[in-house]
């Protein structure tokens, strides 16, 4: 297992991290299986575990807590908050009111007195950067979190967060957690250059592109992955974006075969090769899935293989741009990019 420094924190983390989204209802992973996965991951040298409050509405955190009981100090433990936790309108977002409350809930579910990395799951446009950063800074000074970061922020919001921290003399986001894979490379053009500029650690989620790069999705085969059952539109081959992904997967499989690698090794080796990336988060649903992904722990792709990947999916390209999670709101909501009637004639 390779180890890297998490941004400028001095904390050493494994190049592969264990994502726990599938623990519980989402992946139908039992506590016994989750504990087996955690055991095997730690034995293989993984020392970073990432979860979130909203995974199974707290179930994942509870399962992680039981699985790591008695060995907390050997693990870099990360969780997230900000996504809705039920129907109550204030049980979400980046307000001080919610973050202080929900961190206590997460600590209770995890059975720990602090987390090493607390991440804002999505940018909350209703809350100021100063409000969120001041709450996180106070939680850090209270010893309940060691560091904090952002997740799936647009590049300009990452910059704004860094500016706000300096402007208001608060602690700053030290990590970002974007979606990144061979099939979704858009972050190379904006997010990753920004994280490098600010010395941030980067924890990549969905490096296997929701299963497209697992080897289970190939031409002529029925698509039976659990993710396809939950998100059928992402695997509907009548859609041009999905056909483009399938074409790319077939070509990538040929590259992997030629290099003596599995498609999983190619996919994970690709994201961990980027100098901005600290850790690729794998999210196994079963112990068997974990074993196939751990085979990439020491994969280092040579230049000719990386060149071949670039020829299939160009740098900075998203094959399914409509699935991005860090798109600025004005690109999704026409009202945010059009002047209202009251704006006509106003000088600028």
C-alpha atoms as a PDB file:
ATOM      1  CA  UNK A   1       0.000   0.000   0.000  1.00  0.00           C
ATOM      2  CA  UNK A   2       1.234   3.483  -0.863  1.00  0.00           C
ATOM      3  CA  UNK A   3       0.846   6.332   1.647  1.00  0.00           C
ATOM      4  CA  UNK A   4       0.585  10.048   1.008  1.00  0.00           C
ATOM      5  CA  UNK A   5       0.348  13.208   3.077  1.00  0.00           C
ATOM      6  CA  UNK A   6      -3.188  14.568   3.319  1.00  0.00           C
ATOM      7  CA  UNK A   7      -2.695  18.055   1.917  1.00  0.00           C
ATOM      8  CA  UNK A   8      -0.487  20.013   4.310  1.00  0.00           C
ATOM      9  CA  UNK A   9      -1.876  18.408   7.477  1.00  0.00           C
ATOM     10  CA  UNK A  10       1.056  16.056   8.021  1.00  0.00           C
ATOM     11  CA  UNK A  11      -1.416  13.151   8.331  1.00  0.00           C
ATOM     12  CA  UNK A  12      -0.368  10.062   6.368  1.00  0.00           C
ATOM     13  CA  UNK A  13      -3.193   8.247   4.566  1.00  0.00           C
ATOM     14  CA  UNK A  14      -3.349   5.246   2.281  1.00  0.00           C
ATOM     15  CA  UNK A  15      -3.671   5.756  -1.486  1.00  0.00           C
ATOM     16  CA  UNK A  16      -6.838   3.642  -1.335  1.00  0.00           C
ATOM     17  CA  UNK A  17      -9.414   4.582   1.270  1.00  0.00           C
ATOM     18  CA  UNK A  18     -12.494   2.671   2.385  1.00  0.00           C
ATOM     19  CA  UNK A  19     -15.770   4.387   1.563  1.00  0.00           C
ATOM     20  CA  UNK A  20     -18.650   3.095   3.680  1.00  0.00           C
ATOM     21  CA  UNK A  21     -21.670   4.316   1.698  1.00  0.00           C
ATOM     22  CA  UNK A  22     -22.749   0.754   0.939  1.00  0.00           C
ATOM     23  CA  UNK A  23     -22.828  -0.307   4.582  1.00  0.00           C
ATOM     24  CA  UNK A  24     -26.447  -0.929   5.512  1.00  0.00           C
ATOM     25  CA  UNK A  25     -29.555  -0.233   3.469  1.00  0.00           C
ATOM     26  CA  UNK A  26     -27.922   1.346   0.415  1.00  0.00           C
ATOM     27  CA  UNK A  27     -25.717  -1.624  -0.441  1.00  0.00           C
ATOM     28  CA  UNK A  28     -27.565  -4.198   1.663  1.00  0.00           C
ATOM     29  CA  UNK A  29     -24.282  -4.923   3.448  1.00  0.00           C
ATOM     30  CA  UNK A  30     -24.808  -6.524   6.865  1.00  0.00           C
ATOM     31  CA  UNK A  31     -22.891  -5.665  10.021  1.00  0.00           C
ATOM     32  CA  UNK A  32     -21.031  -8.964   9.783  1.00  0.00           C
ATOM     33  CA  UNK A  33     -19.989  -8.200   6.197  1.00  0.00           C
ATOM     34  CA  UNK A  34     -19.090  -4.605   7.057  1.00  0.00           C
ATOM     35  CA  UNK A  35     -16.835  -5.760   9.895  1.00  0.00           C
ATOM     36  CA  UNK A  36     -15.212  -8.325   7.598  1.00  0.00           C
ATOM     37  CA  UNK A  37     -14.613  -5.609   4.992  1.00  0.00           C
ATOM     38  CA  UNK A  38     -13.097  -3.250   7.565  1.00  0.00           C
ATOM     39  CA  UNK A  39     -10.890  -6.033   8.956  1.00  0.00           C
ATOM     40  CA  UNK A  40      -9.592  -6.967   5.510  1.00  0.00           C
ATOM     41  CA  UNK A  41      -9.066  -3.335   4.507  1.00  0.00           C
ATOM     42  CA  UNK A  42      -7.021  -2.580   7.630  1.00  0.00           C
ATOM     43  CA  UNK A  43      -5.018  -5.773   7.197  1.00  0.00           C
ATOM     44  CA  UNK A  44      -4.198  -4.654   3.644  1.00  0.00           C
ATOM     45  CA  UNK A  45      -2.853  -1.309   4.880  1.00  0.00           C
ATOM     46  CA  UNK A  46      -5.858   0.958   4.348  1.00  0.00           C
ATOM     47  CA  UNK A  47      -5.968   3.459   7.203  1.00  0.00           C
ATOM     48  CA  UNK A  48      -8.648   5.922   6.000  1.00  0.00           C
ATOM     49  CA  UNK A  49     -12.364   5.214   6.404  1.00  0.00           C
ATOM     50  CA  UNK A  50     -14.893   7.678   4.981  1.00  0.00           C
ATOM     51  CA  UNK A  51     -18.611   7.714   5.751  1.00  0.00           C
ATOM     52  CA  UNK A  52     -21.432  10.293   6.088  1.00  0.00           C
ATOM     53  CA  UNK A  53     -24.430  10.947   8.270  1.00  0.00           C
ATOM     54  CA  UNK A  54     -26.911  10.543   5.414  1.00  0.00           C
ATOM     55  CA  UNK A  55     -25.676   7.104   4.305  1.00  0.00           C
ATOM     56  CA  UNK A  56     -28.642   5.036   5.402  1.00  0.00           C
ATOM     57  CA  UNK A  57     -29.724   7.975   7.605  1.00  0.00           C
ATOM     58  CA  UNK A  58     -26.983   7.219  10.117  1.00  0.00           C
ATOM     59  CA  UNK A  59     -26.830   3.459   9.626  1.00  0.00           C
ATOM     60  CA  UNK A  60     -23.421   3.497   7.928  1.00  0.00           C
ATOM     61  CA  UNK A  61     -21.873   5.504  10.763  1.00  0.00           C
ATOM     62  CA  UNK A  62     -23.276   3.084  13.329  1.00  0.00           C
ATOM     63  CA  UNK A  63     -21.883   0.091  11.426  1.00  0.00           C
ATOM     64  CA  UNK A  64     -18.473   1.728  10.996  1.00  0.00           C
ATOM     65  CA  UNK A  65     -18.418   2.495  14.716  1.00  0.00           C
ATOM     66  CA  UNK A  66     -19.031  -1.125  15.633  1.00  0.00           C
ATOM     67  CA  UNK A  67     -16.462  -2.352  13.103  1.00  0.00           C
ATOM     68  CA  UNK A  68     -13.649  -0.107  14.389  1.00  0.00           C
ATOM     69  CA  UNK A  69     -14.350  -0.524  18.098  1.00  0.00           C
ATOM     70  CA  UNK A  70     -11.100  -0.976  20.029  1.00  0.00           C
ATOM     71  CA  UNK A  71      -8.812   0.315  17.269  1.00  0.00           C
ATOM     72  CA  UNK A  72      -9.926   3.890  16.755  1.00  0.00           C
ATOM     73  CA  UNK A  73      -6.442   5.381  17.117  1.00  0.00           C
ATOM     74  CA  UNK A  74      -5.102   3.398  14.148  1.00  0.00           C
ATOM     75  CA  UNK A  75      -7.667   4.895  11.742  1.00  0.00           C
ATOM     76  CA  UNK A  76      -8.037   8.250  10.033  1.00  0.00           C
ATOM     77  CA  UNK A  77     -11.796   8.587  10.411  1.00  0.00           C
ATOM     78  CA  UNK A  78     -13.779  10.884   8.134  1.00  0.00           C
ATOM     79  CA  UNK A  79     -17.461  11.670   7.954  1.00  0.00           C
ATOM     80  CA  UNK A  80     -19.691  14.288   6.338  1.00  0.00           C
ATOM     81  CA  UNK A  81     -22.749  16.423   7.053  1.00  0.00           C
ATOM     82  CA  UNK A  82     -25.002  18.787   5.151  1.00  0.00           C
ATOM     83  CA  UNK A  83     -27.326  16.543   3.153  1.00  0.00           C
ATOM     84  CA  UNK A  84     -30.938  16.222   4.412  1.00  0.00           C
ATOM     85  CA  UNK A  85     -31.467  14.072   7.482  1.00  0.00           C
ATOM     86  CA  UNK A  86     -35.234  13.694   7.394  1.00  0.00           C
ATOM     87  CA  UNK A  87     -37.966  16.148   6.462  1.00  0.00           C
ATOM     88  CA  UNK A  88     -37.258  18.856   9.056  1.00  0.00           C
ATOM     89  CA  UNK A  89     -36.057  21.868   7.076  1.00  0.00           C
ATOM     90  CA  UNK A  90     -33.246  22.749   9.476  1.00  0.00           C
ATOM     91  CA  UNK A  91     -31.818  19.216   9.604  1.00  0.00           C
ATOM     92  CA  UNK A  92     -29.499  19.881   6.668  1.00  0.00           C
ATOM     93  CA  UNK A  93     -27.122  22.477   5.282  1.00  0.00           C
ATOM     94  CA  UNK A  94     -24.083  24.289   6.639  1.00  0.00           C
ATOM     95  CA  UNK A  95     -25.512  26.423   9.441  1.00  0.00           C
ATOM     96  CA  UNK A  96     -23.886  26.515  12.864  1.00  0.00           C
ATOM     97  CA  UNK A  97     -27.180  25.345  14.360  1.00  0.00           C
ATOM     98  CA  UNK A  98     -27.157  22.158  12.328  1.00  0.00           C
ATOM     99  CA  UNK A  99     -23.434  21.349  12.189  1.00  0.00           C
ATOM    100  CA  UNK A 100     -22.968  21.544  15.970  1.00  0.00           C
ATOM    101  CA  UNK A 101     -26.005  19.311  16.510  1.00  0.00           C
ATOM    102  CA  UNK A 102     -25.237  16.822  13.770  1.00  0.00           C
ATOM    103  CA  UNK A 103     -21.590  16.372  14.695  1.00  0.00           C
ATOM    104  CA  UNK A 104     -22.731  15.260  18.151  1.00  0.00           C
ATOM    105  CA  UNK A 105     -25.103  12.805  16.466  1.00  0.00           C
ATOM    106  CA  UNK A 106     -22.301  11.465  14.263  1.00  0.00           C
ATOM    107  CA  UNK A 107     -19.911  11.067  17.199  1.00  0.00           C
ATOM    108  CA  UNK A 108     -22.586   9.139  19.082  1.00  0.00           C
ATOM    109  CA  UNK A 109     -23.315   6.854  16.137  1.00  0.00           C
ATOM    110  CA  UNK A 110     -19.606   6.250  15.518  1.00  0.00           C
ATOM    111  CA  UNK A 111     -18.900   5.694  19.209  1.00  0.00           C
ATOM    112  CA  UNK A 112     -15.939   8.102  19.242  1.00  0.00           C
ATOM    113  CA  UNK A 113     -15.101  11.445  20.852  1.00  0.00           C
ATOM    114  CA  UNK A 114     -13.707  13.057  17.694  1.00  0.00           C
ATOM    115  CA  UNK A 115     -13.331  12.589  13.947  1.00  0.00           C
ATOM    116  CA  UNK A 116     -10.152  13.297  12.043  1.00  0.00           C
ATOM    117  CA  UNK A 117     -11.873  14.882   9.044  1.00  0.00           C
ATOM    118  CA  UNK A 118     -15.320  16.488   9.002  1.00  0.00           C
ATOM    119  CA  UNK A 119     -16.565  17.368   5.522  1.00  0.00           C
ATOM    120  CA  UNK A 120     -19.408  19.541   4.243  1.00  0.00           C
ATOM    121  CA  UNK A 121     -21.172  17.119   1.928  1.00  0.00           C
ATOM    122  CA  UNK A 122     -22.369  19.749  -0.563  1.00  0.00           C
ATOM    123  CA  UNK A 123     -22.070  23.511  -0.792  1.00  0.00           C
ATOM    124  CA  UNK A 124     -25.065  25.166   0.875  1.00  0.00           C
ATOM    125  CA  UNK A 125     -25.972  28.356  -1.045  1.00  0.00           C
ATOM    126  CA  UNK A 126     -28.302  29.458   1.786  1.00  0.00           C
ATOM    127  CA  UNK A 127     -25.453  29.728   4.308  1.00  0.00           C
ATOM    128  CA  UNK A 128     -22.519  32.133   4.240  1.00  0.00           C
ATOM    129  CA  UNK A 129     -18.968  30.838   4.181  1.00  0.00           C
ATOM    130  CA  UNK A 130     -18.258  32.737   7.396  1.00  0.00           C
ATOM    131  CA  UNK A 131     -21.151  31.006   9.200  1.00  0.00           C
ATOM    132  CA  UNK A 132     -19.997  27.519   8.195  1.00  0.00           C
ATOM    133  CA  UNK A 133     -16.281  28.132   8.681  1.00  0.00           C
ATOM    134  CA  UNK A 134     -16.731  29.745  12.097  1.00  0.00           C
ATOM    135  CA  UNK A 135     -18.780  26.765  13.306  1.00  0.00           C
ATOM    136  CA  UNK A 136     -16.191  24.305  11.975  1.00  0.00           C
ATOM    137  CA  UNK A 137     -13.337  26.308  13.494  1.00  0.00           C
ATOM    138  CA  UNK A 138     -15.016  26.270  16.898  1.00  0.00           C
ATOM    139  CA  UNK A 139     -15.622  22.512  16.664  1.00  0.00           C
ATOM    140  CA  UNK A 140     -11.955  22.078  15.775  1.00  0.00           C
ATOM    141  CA  UNK A 141     -10.810  24.189  18.725  1.00  0.00           C
ATOM    142  CA  UNK A 142     -13.095  22.151  20.985  1.00  0.00           C
ATOM    143  CA  UNK A 143     -11.205  19.017  19.904  1.00  0.00           C
ATOM    144  CA  UNK A 144     -14.221  17.337  18.321  1.00  0.00           C
ATOM    145  CA  UNK A 145     -12.746  17.453  14.816  1.00  0.00           C
ATOM    146  CA  UNK A 146      -9.095  17.543  13.861  1.00  0.00           C
ATOM    147  CA  UNK A 147      -9.503  18.955  10.336  1.00  0.00           C
ATOM    148  CA  UNK A 148     -12.344  19.816   7.997  1.00  0.00           C
ATOM    149  CA  UNK A 149     -12.935  19.783   4.264  1.00  0.00           C
ATOM    150  CA  UNK A 150     -15.448  20.198   1.474  1.00  0.00           C
ATOM    151  CA  UNK A 151     -17.083  17.659  -0.813  1.00  0.00           C
ATOM    152  CA  UNK A 152     -18.077  18.124  -4.450  1.00  0.00           C
ATOM    153  CA  UNK A 153     -17.675  21.902  -4.372  1.00  0.00           C
ATOM    154  CA  UNK A 154     -17.455  23.840  -7.642  1.00  0.00           C
ATOM    155  CA  UNK A 155     -13.964  25.233  -8.133  1.00  0.00           C
ATOM    156  CA  UNK A 156     -15.046  28.826  -7.584  1.00  0.00           C
ATOM    157  CA  UNK A 157     -16.621  27.880  -4.252  1.00  0.00           C
ATOM    158  CA  UNK A 158     -13.368  26.244  -3.157  1.00  0.00           C
ATOM    159  CA  UNK A 159     -11.573  29.501  -3.921  1.00  0.00           C
ATOM    160  CA  UNK A 160     -14.248  31.506  -2.117  1.00  0.00           C
ATOM    161  CA  UNK A 161     -13.958  29.265   0.940  1.00  0.00           C
ATOM    162  CA  UNK A 162     -10.208  29.767   1.079  1.00  0.00           C
ATOM    163  CA  UNK A 163     -10.635  33.545   0.764  1.00  0.00           C
ATOM    164  CA  UNK A 164     -13.336  33.650   3.465  1.00  0.00           C
ATOM    165  CA  UNK A 165     -11.138  31.728   5.900  1.00  0.00           C
ATOM    166  CA  UNK A 166      -8.319  34.207   5.428  1.00  0.00           C
ATOM    167  CA  UNK A 167     -10.606  37.241   5.472  1.00  0.00           C
ATOM    168  CA  UNK A 168     -12.268  36.252   8.734  1.00  0.00           C
ATOM    169  CA  UNK A 169      -9.173  34.645  10.336  1.00  0.00           C
ATOM    170  CA  UNK A 170     -10.757  31.211  10.538  1.00  0.00           C
ATOM    171  CA  UNK A 171      -9.425  27.722   9.911  1.00  0.00           C
ATOM    172  CA  UNK A 172      -9.719  26.615   6.308  1.00  0.00           C
ATOM    173  CA  UNK A 173     -10.893  23.636   4.329  1.00  0.00           C
ATOM    174  CA  UNK A 174      -7.862  21.359   3.984  1.00  0.00           C
ATOM    175  CA  UNK A 175      -9.429  18.729   1.729  1.00  0.00           C
ATOM    176  CA  UNK A 176     -11.880  18.398  -1.157  1.00  0.00           C
ATOM    177  CA  UNK A 177     -13.764  15.240  -2.130  1.00  0.00           C
ATOM    178  CA  UNK A 178     -14.727  15.316  -5.833  1.00  0.00           C
ATOM    179  CA  UNK A 179     -16.078  12.659  -8.158  1.00  0.00           C
ATOM    180  CA  UNK A 180     -13.289  11.603 -10.538  1.00  0.00           C
ATOM    181  CA  UNK A 181     -12.753   8.682 -12.884  1.00  0.00           C
ATOM    182  CA  UNK A 182     -11.503   7.914 -16.375  1.00  0.00           C
ATOM    183  CA  UNK A 183     -15.037   8.521 -17.659  1.00  0.00           C
ATOM    184  CA  UNK A 184     -15.590  11.760 -15.698  1.00  0.00           C
ATOM    185  CA  UNK A 185     -12.454  13.888 -16.039  1.00  0.00           C
ATOM    186  CA  UNK A 186     -13.956  17.375 -15.900  1.00  0.00           C
ATOM    187  CA  UNK A 187     -12.404  18.148 -12.503  1.00  0.00           C
ATOM    188  CA  UNK A 188      -8.987  18.067 -14.167  1.00  0.00           C
ATOM    189  CA  UNK A 189      -9.782  21.375 -15.849  1.00  0.00           C
ATOM    190  CA  UNK A 190     -10.929  23.346 -12.804  1.00  0.00           C
ATOM    191  CA  UNK A 191     -11.199  21.616  -9.404  1.00  0.00           C
ATOM    192  CA  UNK A 192      -7.864  19.791  -9.278  1.00  0.00           C
ATOM    193  CA  UNK A 193      -5.772  22.829 -10.328  1.00  0.00           C
ATOM    194  CA  UNK A 194      -7.427  24.796  -7.509  1.00  0.00           C
ATOM    195  CA  UNK A 195      -6.787  22.111  -4.884  1.00  0.00           C
ATOM    196  CA  UNK A 196      -3.141  21.988  -5.969  1.00  0.00           C
ATOM    197  CA  UNK A 197      -2.889  25.775  -5.715  1.00  0.00           C
ATOM    198  CA  UNK A 198      -4.105  25.711  -2.105  1.00  0.00           C
ATOM    199  CA  UNK A 199      -2.279  22.561  -1.042  1.00  0.00           C
ATOM    200  CA  UNK A 200      -5.477  20.650  -0.325  1.00  0.00           C
ATOM    201  CA  UNK A 201      -5.750  16.907   0.043  1.00  0.00           C
ATOM    202  CA  UNK A 202      -8.084  15.239  -2.458  1.00  0.00           C
ATOM    203  CA  UNK A 203     -10.208  12.192  -1.664  1.00  0.00           C
ATOM    204  CA  UNK A 204     -11.760  10.908  -4.885  1.00  0.00           C
ATOM    205  CA  UNK A 205     -15.179   9.268  -4.837  1.00  0.00           C
ATOM    206  CA  UNK A 206     -16.638   7.022  -7.554  1.00  0.00           C
ATOM    207  CA  UNK A 207     -13.277   6.172  -9.173  1.00  0.00           C
ATOM    208  CA  UNK A 208     -15.026   3.153 -10.759  1.00  0.00           C
ATOM    209  CA  UNK A 209     -17.714   5.429 -12.246  1.00  0.00           C
ATOM    210  CA  UNK A 210     -20.679   3.844 -10.436  1.00  0.00           C
ATOM    211  CA  UNK A 211     -19.604   0.404 -11.644  1.00  0.00           C
ATOM    212  CA  UNK A 212     -18.931   1.225 -15.292  1.00  0.00           C
ATOM    213  CA  UNK A 213     -15.232   0.505 -14.699  1.00  0.00           C
ATOM    214  CA  UNK A 214     -15.699  -2.546 -12.478  1.00  0.00           C
ATOM    215  CA  UNK A 215     -15.628  -5.014 -15.371  1.00  0.00           C
ATOM    216  CA  UNK A 216     -19.299  -5.869 -14.872  1.00  0.00           C
ATOM    217  CA  UNK A 217     -20.530  -3.595 -17.678  1.00  0.00           C
ATOM    218  CA  UNK A 218     -19.486  -4.885 -21.075  1.00  0.00           C
ATOM    219  CA  UNK A 219     -20.998  -5.005 -24.528  1.00  0.00           C
ATOM    220  CA  UNK A 220     -23.338  -7.967 -25.064  1.00  0.00           C
ATOM    221  CA  UNK A 221     -23.894  -8.594 -21.366  1.00  0.00           C
ATOM    222  CA  UNK A 222     -26.948  -7.845 -19.261  1.00  0.00           C
ATOM    223  CA  UNK A 223     -26.261  -5.053 -16.772  1.00  0.00           C
ATOM    224  CA  UNK A 224     -27.133  -6.477 -13.372  1.00  0.00           C
ATOM    225  CA  UNK A 225     -25.134  -4.315 -10.975  1.00  0.00           C
ATOM    226  CA  UNK A 226     -26.878  -3.042  -7.846  1.00  0.00           C
ATOM    227  CA  UNK A 227     -26.254   0.553  -8.942  1.00  0.00           C
ATOM    228  CA  UNK A 228     -28.047  -0.126 -12.239  1.00  0.00           C
ATOM    229  CA  UNK A 229     -31.072  -1.232 -10.239  1.00  0.00           C
ATOM    230  CA  UNK A 230     -31.070   1.997  -8.206  1.00  0.00           C
ATOM    231  CA  UNK A 231     -30.209   4.379 -11.071  1.00  0.00           C
ATOM    232  CA  UNK A 232     -31.459   2.775 -14.300  1.00  0.00           C
ATOM    233  CA  UNK A 233     -31.058   5.936 -16.409  1.00  0.00           C
ATOM    234  CA  UNK A 234     -27.319   5.841 -15.844  1.00  0.00           C
ATOM    235  CA  UNK A 235     -27.134   2.491 -17.607  1.00  0.00           C
ATOM    236  CA  UNK A 236     -29.840   2.908 -20.278  1.00  0.00           C
ATOM    237  CA  UNK A 237     -27.951   2.110 -23.469  1.00  0.00           C
ATOM    238  CA  UNK A 238     -30.493   3.957 -25.624  1.00  0.00           C
ATOM    239  CA  UNK A 239     -28.998   7.191 -24.256  1.00  0.00           C
ATOM    240  CA  UNK A 240     -26.033   8.593 -26.240  1.00  0.00           C
ATOM    241  CA  UNK A 241     -23.950   9.347 -23.128  1.00  0.00           C
ATOM    242  CA  UNK A 242     -24.231   5.750 -21.978  1.00  0.00           C
ATOM    243  CA  UNK A 243     -23.309   4.441 -25.415  1.00  0.00           C
ATOM    244  CA  UNK A 244     -20.249   6.685 -25.310  1.00  0.00           C
ATOM    245  CA  UNK A 245     -19.317   5.246 -21.928  1.00  0.00           C
ATOM    246  CA  UNK A 246     -19.771   1.691 -23.151  1.00  0.00           C
ATOM    247  CA  UNK A 247     -17.600   2.363 -26.210  1.00  0.00           C
ATOM    248  CA  UNK A 248     -14.909   3.820 -23.958  1.00  0.00           C
ATOM    249  CA  UNK A 249     -15.106   0.863 -21.552  1.00  0.00           C
ATOM    250  CA  UNK A 250     -14.554  -1.622 -24.382  1.00  0.00           C
ATOM    251  CA  UNK A 251     -11.481   0.276 -25.569  1.00  0.00           C
ATOM    252  CA  UNK A 252     -10.189   0.652 -22.006  1.00  0.00           C
ATOM    253  CA  UNK A 253     -10.598  -3.077 -21.430  1.00  0.00           C
ATOM    254  CA  UNK A 254      -8.303  -3.696 -24.400  1.00  0.00           C
ATOM    255  CA  UNK A 255      -5.707  -1.349 -22.892  1.00  0.00           C
ATOM    256  CA  UNK A 256      -5.971  -3.109 -19.536  1.00  0.00           C
ATOM    257  CA  UNK A 257      -5.569  -6.547 -21.138  1.00  0.00           C
ATOM    258  CA  UNK A 258      -2.516  -5.360 -23.023  1.00  0.00           C
ATOM    259  CA  UNK A 259      -0.952  -4.102 -19.796  1.00  0.00           C
ATOM    260  CA  UNK A 260      -1.753  -7.295 -17.880  1.00  0.00           C
ATOM    261  CA  UNK A 261      -4.204  -5.484 -15.614  1.00  0.00           C
ATOM    262  CA  UNK A 262      -7.836  -5.791 -14.667  1.00  0.00           C
ATOM    263  CA  UNK A 263     -10.148  -2.933 -15.586  1.00  0.00           C
ATOM    264  CA  UNK A 264     -10.388  -2.112 -11.871  1.00  0.00           C
ATOM    265  CA  UNK A 265      -6.613  -1.837 -11.582  1.00  0.00           C
ATOM    266  CA  UNK A 266      -6.543   0.407 -14.639  1.00  0.00           C
ATOM    267  CA  UNK A 267      -9.297   2.655 -13.237  1.00  0.00           C
ATOM    268  CA  UNK A 268      -7.841   3.004  -9.739  1.00  0.00           C
ATOM    269  CA  UNK A 269      -4.281   3.307 -11.017  1.00  0.00           C
ATOM    270  CA  UNK A 270      -5.420   6.143 -13.263  1.00  0.00           C
ATOM    271  CA  UNK A 271      -6.935   8.349 -10.548  1.00  0.00           C
ATOM    272  CA  UNK A 272      -4.119   7.747  -8.056  1.00  0.00           C
ATOM    273  CA  UNK A 273      -1.576   8.705 -10.745  1.00  0.00           C
ATOM    274  CA  UNK A 274      -2.782  12.322 -10.774  1.00  0.00           C
ATOM    275  CA  UNK A 275      -0.437  14.440  -8.632  1.00  0.00           C
ATOM    276  CA  UNK A 276      -3.382  16.299  -7.055  1.00  0.00           C
ATOM    277  CA  UNK A 277      -5.064  13.111  -5.812  1.00  0.00           C
ATOM    278  CA  UNK A 278      -4.280  11.845  -2.333  1.00  0.00           C
ATOM    279  CA  UNK A 279      -6.653   8.903  -1.992  1.00  0.00           C
ATOM    280  CA  UNK A 280      -9.141   7.000  -4.138  1.00  0.00           C
ATOM    281  CA  UNK A 281     -12.162   5.941  -2.086  1.00  0.00           C
ATOM    282  CA  UNK A 282     -13.352   2.456  -2.915  1.00  0.00           C
ATOM    283  CA  UNK A 283     -16.862   1.464  -1.848  1.00  0.00           C
ATOM    284  CA  UNK A 284     -17.088  -2.325  -1.787  1.00  0.00           C
ATOM    285  CA  UNK A 285     -20.500  -3.834  -1.144  1.00  0.00           C
ATOM    286  CA  UNK A 286     -19.133  -7.297  -0.350  1.00  0.00           C
ATOM    287  CA  UNK A 287     -15.807  -8.763   0.823  1.00  0.00           C
ATOM    288  CA  UNK A 288     -15.364 -10.147  -2.698  1.00  0.00           C
ATOM    289  CA  UNK A 289     -15.633  -6.647  -4.148  1.00  0.00           C
ATOM    290  CA  UNK A 290     -12.985  -5.451  -1.706  1.00  0.00           C
ATOM    291  CA  UNK A 291     -10.551  -8.173  -2.713  1.00  0.00           C
ATOM    292  CA  UNK A 292     -10.855  -7.276  -6.396  1.00  0.00           C
ATOM    293  CA  UNK A 293     -10.219  -3.614  -5.599  1.00  0.00           C
ATOM    294  CA  UNK A 294      -7.309  -4.218  -3.232  1.00  0.00           C
ATOM    295  CA  UNK A 295      -5.463  -5.756  -6.183  1.00  0.00           C
ATOM    296  CA  UNK A 296      -4.903  -2.150  -7.321  1.00  0.00           C
ATOM    297  CA  UNK A 297      -3.154  -1.122  -4.084  1.00  0.00           C
ATOM    298  CA  UNK A 298       0.302  -1.131  -5.657  1.00  0.00           C
ATOM    299  CA  UNK A 299      -0.688  -0.423  -9.274  1.00  0.00           C
ATOM    300  CA  UNK A 300       1.461   2.220 -10.963  1.00  0.00           C
ATOM    301  CA  UNK A 301       0.518   2.896 -14.575  1.00  0.00           C
ATOM    302  CA  UNK A 302       3.385   3.547 -17.002  1.00  0.00           C
ATOM    303  CA  UNK A 303       3.323   6.573 -19.303  1.00  0.00           C
ATOM    304  CA  UNK A 304       2.291   4.612 -22.391  1.00  0.00           C
ATOM    305  CA  UNK A 305      -0.811   3.262 -20.613  1.00  0.00           C
ATOM    306  CA  UNK A 306      -1.746   6.729 -19.375  1.00  0.00           C
ATOM    307  CA  UNK A 307      -1.262   8.025 -22.931  1.00  0.00           C
ATOM    308  CA  UNK A 308      -3.587   5.308 -24.227  1.00  0.00           C
ATOM    309  CA  UNK A 309      -6.245   6.326 -21.704  1.00  0.00           C
ATOM    310  CA  UNK A 310      -5.916   9.977 -22.788  1.00  0.00           C
ATOM    311  CA  UNK A 311      -6.513   8.886 -26.386  1.00  0.00           C
ATOM    312  CA  UNK A 312      -9.803   7.226 -25.379  1.00  0.00           C
ATOM    313  CA  UNK A 313     -11.149   9.907 -23.009  1.00  0.00           C
ATOM    314  CA  UNK A 314      -9.492  13.267 -23.474  1.00  0.00           C
ATOM    315  CA  UNK A 315      -8.197  15.103 -20.386  1.00  0.00           C
ATOM    316  CA  UNK A 316     -10.822  17.343 -18.809  1.00  0.00           C
ATOM    317  CA  UNK A 317     -13.707  15.521 -20.525  1.00  0.00           C
ATOM    318  CA  UNK A 318     -16.901  14.271 -18.849  1.00  0.00           C
ATOM    319  CA  UNK A 319     -18.631  11.592 -20.887  1.00  0.00           C
ATOM    320  CA  UNK A 320     -21.796  12.142 -18.839  1.00  0.00           C
ATOM    321  CA  UNK A 321     -21.707  15.859 -18.107  1.00  0.00           C
ATOM    322  CA  UNK A 322     -25.358  15.824 -16.963  1.00  0.00           C
ATOM    323  CA  UNK A 323     -24.368  13.662 -13.981  1.00  0.00           C
ATOM    324  CA  UNK A 324     -21.934  16.154 -12.512  1.00  0.00           C
ATOM    325  CA  UNK A 325     -22.542  17.230  -8.932  1.00  0.00           C
ATOM    326  CA  UNK A 326     -20.375  20.352  -8.864  1.00  0.00           C
ATOM    327  CA  UNK A 327     -22.098  22.285 -11.635  1.00  0.00           C
ATOM    328  CA  UNK A 328     -22.693  25.944 -10.690  1.00  0.00           C
ATOM    329  CA  UNK A 329     -26.421  26.431  -9.934  1.00  0.00           C
ATOM    330  CA  UNK A 330     -26.851  29.038 -12.694  1.00  0.00           C
ATOM    331  CA  UNK A 331     -26.126  26.376 -15.313  1.00  0.00           C
ATOM    332  CA  UNK A 332     -29.001  24.267 -14.030  1.00  0.00           C
ATOM    333  CA  UNK A 333     -31.610  26.933 -13.216  1.00  0.00           C
ATOM    334  CA  UNK A 334     -32.388  29.379 -16.071  1.00  0.00           C
ATOM    335  CA  UNK A 335     -33.818  31.920 -13.592  1.00  0.00           C
ATOM    336  CA  UNK A 336     -30.342  32.376 -12.118  1.00  0.00           C
ATOM    337  CA  UNK A 337     -28.818  33.445 -15.431  1.00  0.00           C
ATOM    338  CA  UNK A 338     -31.616  35.728 -16.694  1.00  0.00           C
ATOM    339  CA  UNK A 339     -32.502  39.196 -15.525  1.00  0.00           C
ATOM    340  CA  UNK A 340     -36.016  39.596 -14.201  1.00  0.00           C
ATOM    341  CA  UNK A 341     -38.411  42.290 -15.481  1.00  0.00           C
ATOM    342  CA  UNK A 342     -37.349  44.621 -12.676  1.00  0.00           C
ATOM    343  CA  UNK A 343     -33.742  44.519 -13.856  1.00  0.00           C
ATOM    344  CA  UNK A 344     -34.447  46.019 -17.280  1.00  0.00           C
ATOM    345  CA  UNK A 345     -32.879  49.413 -17.779  1.00  0.00           C
ATOM    346  CA  UNK A 346     -30.752  49.121 -14.668  1.00  0.00           C
ATOM    347  CA  UNK A 347     -27.208  50.334 -15.143  1.00  0.00           C
ATOM    348  CA  UNK A 348     -24.334  47.957 -14.474  1.00  0.00           C
END
